[in-house]
């Protein structure tokens, strides 16, 4: 039997628990939900669904006068002050992978096709000279640095086809 404390409302601060009990109903595996008060050894409600079990337990607590709905027994504390939420900081820079760094260095920091200077942590593509769609691999000799524009224009052409077509 699995048990979890129920917090808030008529249930207070963990005095009651929602328990699940595996059963067999009509030859099929099922789960029965129980609302229990472990210290007193009482079962307040049993049902086939969680919501029915909780609703039944609420009815029992209200009928016996043990429930006090007007005044909550616990209050969610503030997690952060307003000052902490208003502070906006930039996310830390993403680390550059070793493979991406090697491709950048081998390409001399420039686009393979148009020669545009690239930033190591900038927006550029690791490009396949022989596209994977045509059987190219991820081996280091097949990878070059390319600016976004050249890589998108090249598409599934080989590097030779792109240059011959007057790419960029």
Protein backbone atom coordinates (compact mmCIF):
# COMPACT_ATOMS: atom_id res chain seq x y z
CA UNK A 1 0.00 0.00 0.00
CA UNK A 2 1.38 3.41 -0.99
CA UNK A 3 0.57 6.39 1.25
CA UNK A 4 0.97 10.14 0.74
CA UNK A 5 0.09 12.91 3.21
CA UNK A 6 -2.82 15.19 2.32
CA UNK A 7 -2.15 18.87 3.01
CA UNK A 8 -4.53 21.83 3.27
CA UNK A 9 -8.20 22.61 3.53
CA UNK A 10 -10.17 20.35 5.83
CA UNK A 11 -7.27 17.93 6.00
CA UNK A 12 -4.85 20.24 7.82
CA UNK A 13 -1.11 19.59 7.85
CA UNK A 14 -0.59 15.93 7.09
CA UNK A 15 -2.84 14.40 9.76
CA UNK A 16 -4.58 12.44 6.99
CA UNK A 17 -3.11 10.35 4.16
CA UNK A 18 -4.27 9.21 0.74
CA UNK A 19 -3.46 5.54 0.34
CA UNK A 20 -3.64 3.38 -2.78
CA UNK A 21 -4.33 -0.32 -2.55
CA UNK A 22 -4.02 -2.66 -5.55
CA UNK A 23 -7.10 -4.83 -6.06
CA UNK A 24 -8.70 -7.07 -8.64
CA UNK A 25 -12.10 -5.95 -9.92
CA UNK A 26 -14.03 -8.06 -12.43
CA UNK A 27 -10.89 -10.07 -13.11
CA UNK A 28 -8.80 -6.98 -13.92
CA UNK A 29 -6.13 -5.20 -11.93
CA UNK A 30 -7.42 -2.00 -10.35
CA UNK A 31 -6.53 0.49 -7.64
CA UNK A 32 -8.67 1.47 -4.69
CA UNK A 33 -8.15 4.85 -2.98
CA UNK A 34 -8.47 5.27 0.78
CA UNK A 35 -8.32 8.39 2.94
CA UNK A 36 -6.95 7.34 6.30
CA UNK A 37 -6.01 8.89 9.63
CA UNK A 38 -3.02 6.73 10.64
CA UNK A 39 -2.63 7.95 14.25
CA UNK A 40 -6.26 7.22 15.08
CA UNK A 41 -6.35 4.08 12.94
CA UNK A 42 -9.44 5.30 11.04
CA UNK A 43 -10.46 4.94 7.42
CA UNK A 44 -12.54 7.95 6.40
CA UNK A 45 -13.40 6.99 2.81
CA UNK A 46 -12.82 4.27 0.22
CA UNK A 47 -13.51 4.78 -3.49
CA UNK A 48 -12.51 3.72 -6.99
CA UNK A 49 -11.21 7.21 -7.85
CA UNK A 50 -9.06 9.70 -5.98
CA UNK A 51 -11.60 12.52 -6.26
CA UNK A 52 -14.43 10.35 -4.91
CA UNK A 53 -12.29 9.27 -1.95
CA UNK A 54 -11.33 12.85 -1.10
CA UNK A 55 -14.91 14.08 -1.48
CA UNK A 56 -16.16 11.29 0.79
CA UNK A 57 -13.55 12.11 3.43
CA UNK A 58 -14.52 15.80 3.31
CA UNK A 59 -18.18 14.87 3.88
CA UNK A 60 -17.24 12.71 6.89
CA UNK A 61 -15.08 15.45 8.41
CA UNK A 62 -17.79 18.10 7.93
CA UNK A 63 -20.51 15.81 9.32
CA UNK A 64 -18.51 15.03 12.46
CA UNK A 65 -17.58 18.69 12.97
CA UNK A 66 -13.85 17.94 12.74
CA UNK A 67 -13.51 20.23 9.70
CA UNK A 68 -13.03 23.95 10.02
CA UNK A 69 -13.35 25.35 6.49
CA UNK A 70 -13.36 29.02 7.48
CA UNK A 71 -9.81 29.13 8.80
CA UNK A 72 -7.09 27.27 6.88
CA UNK A 73 -4.69 25.32 9.08
CA UNK A 74 -1.67 26.10 6.91
CA UNK A 75 -0.61 28.80 4.48
CA UNK A 76 1.84 28.53 1.60
CA UNK A 77 4.91 30.60 2.57
CA UNK A 78 6.37 33.10 0.11
CA UNK A 79 9.07 31.39 -1.91
CA UNK A 80 10.86 34.53 -3.15
CA UNK A 81 10.75 38.16 -2.26
CA UNK A 82 9.59 40.59 -4.96
CA UNK A 83 13.11 42.04 -5.11
CA UNK A 84 14.58 38.66 -6.06
CA UNK A 85 12.10 38.23 -8.91
CA UNK A 86 12.75 41.63 -10.43
CA UNK A 87 16.49 40.99 -10.85
CA UNK A 88 17.16 39.82 -14.41
CA UNK A 89 20.58 38.42 -15.10
CA UNK A 90 21.97 37.13 -18.34
CA UNK A 91 22.35 33.37 -18.58
CA UNK A 92 25.91 32.08 -18.39
CA UNK A 93 27.56 31.54 -21.77
CA UNK A 94 27.07 28.06 -23.19
CA UNK A 95 30.25 26.03 -23.38
CA UNK A 96 31.54 25.33 -26.89
CA UNK A 97 31.99 21.63 -27.63
CA UNK A 98 35.40 20.26 -28.53
CA UNK A 99 34.26 19.14 -32.00
CA UNK A 100 32.77 22.57 -32.79
CA UNK A 101 35.98 24.26 -31.58
CA UNK A 102 38.10 21.94 -33.80
CA UNK A 103 35.96 22.66 -36.90
CA UNK A 104 36.22 26.40 -36.20
CA UNK A 105 40.02 26.24 -35.84
CA UNK A 106 40.48 24.07 -38.95
CA UNK A 107 38.38 26.55 -40.97
CA UNK A 108 40.50 29.47 -39.77
CA UNK A 109 37.53 31.15 -38.10
CA UNK A 110 35.91 31.95 -41.47
CA UNK A 111 33.07 30.57 -43.57
CA UNK A 112 34.41 27.89 -45.93
CA UNK A 113 32.36 29.26 -48.86
CA UNK A 114 32.27 33.06 -48.61
CA UNK A 115 35.12 33.83 -46.20
CA UNK A 116 32.96 35.75 -43.72
CA UNK A 117 34.69 35.95 -40.30
CA UNK A 118 32.86 33.92 -37.65
CA UNK A 119 32.76 34.14 -33.85
CA UNK A 120 33.50 30.92 -31.96
CA UNK A 121 30.44 31.37 -29.73
CA UNK A 122 28.37 32.99 -32.50
CA UNK A 123 25.65 31.73 -34.82
CA UNK A 124 27.40 29.60 -37.46
CA UNK A 125 26.85 26.06 -38.66
CA UNK A 126 29.01 22.95 -38.65
CA UNK A 127 28.47 21.99 -42.27
CA UNK A 128 28.93 18.66 -44.10
CA UNK A 129 30.85 19.09 -47.37
CA UNK A 130 29.28 15.84 -48.58
CA UNK A 131 25.76 16.01 -47.07
CA UNK A 132 24.52 13.16 -44.94
CA UNK A 133 21.58 12.89 -47.34
CA UNK A 134 24.11 11.82 -50.01
CA UNK A 135 26.03 9.44 -47.75
CA UNK A 136 28.35 11.93 -46.01
CA UNK A 137 29.62 11.09 -42.54
CA UNK A 138 30.35 13.03 -39.37
CA UNK A 139 34.09 12.46 -39.72
CA UNK A 140 36.27 15.52 -39.08
CA UNK A 141 37.45 15.78 -42.72
CA UNK A 142 33.84 16.14 -43.92
CA UNK A 143 33.00 18.98 -41.50
CA UNK A 144 33.67 22.69 -42.10
CA UNK A 145 32.48 25.98 -40.61
CA UNK A 146 29.89 27.87 -42.66
CA UNK A 147 27.84 30.98 -42.07
CA UNK A 148 24.14 30.40 -41.69
CA UNK A 149 23.30 31.88 -45.09
CA UNK A 150 25.75 29.70 -47.05
CA UNK A 151 24.74 26.52 -45.26
CA UNK A 152 21.03 27.11 -45.89
CA UNK A 153 21.61 27.98 -49.58
CA UNK A 154 23.80 24.91 -50.08
CA UNK A 155 21.09 22.53 -48.87
CA UNK A 156 21.83 18.96 -50.08
CA UNK A 157 24.41 19.94 -52.72
CA UNK A 158 27.99 18.83 -52.31
CA UNK A 159 30.60 21.52 -51.59
CA UNK A 160 31.87 21.26 -55.21
CA UNK A 161 28.36 21.60 -56.67
CA UNK A 162 27.65 24.63 -54.47
CA UNK A 163 30.87 26.43 -55.44
CA UNK A 164 30.39 25.53 -59.14
CA UNK A 165 26.84 26.90 -59.03
CA UNK A 166 28.24 30.23 -57.87
CA UNK A 167 27.17 29.80 -54.29
CA UNK A 168 26.97 33.10 -52.47
